[in-house]
Amino acid sequence: MSRIAYVKELKTWESEFKFYSTVTVRFSETDMFGHLNNTVPFTYFELARIDYFNALGFMNEWTNPKNETIPVVANLQCDFLKQVYYNQTLRIYVKAVNVGSSSVDLHYMGKTEEGDIAFTGQGTIVQISRYTGKSVPWNEESKKLFI
């Protein structure tokens, strides 16, 4: 894992994940070589991120058209470690690692049923105003949900 800068010590990093969503690789998500297309983990990260935010209680607020705040992805990256194929079931883990004034850094881990890490990722989400496009600080209650 030395090539993945955001993973300092693998076992510790891996053990800190608690939340995950499960996905099964669809045929349409594979490429002509029969393995998962390199764009698809980003969709899996989105799925897990939305499930995670829903479990924390953010999604009802963000999807309410009368609410001012919405989340936007500021950056997102993926590191590939193992091939993934059609019909494999994966657990896509997500955790918050750093909460800023209006942002949160998330880490992701895609694991096979055998427990192998197939890919990892990191990204930053920023809470913004749907009216102004400017960042909106988390309130203290929201910050505590990420811990």
Foldseek 3Di string as FASTA:
>chain_A
DVVDVVCDDPVVVVVPWDAWDKDFAAQVQADPVFWGDPVCVVVRVVVRVVVLCVVLPNPVQQPPPVHFKHKDWPDKDKDFDATHGHGWMWIKTKAWDDADQFKTKMKIFIATPVGDTGMIMITMMGIATPVPRHGDGDDPVSVVSRD
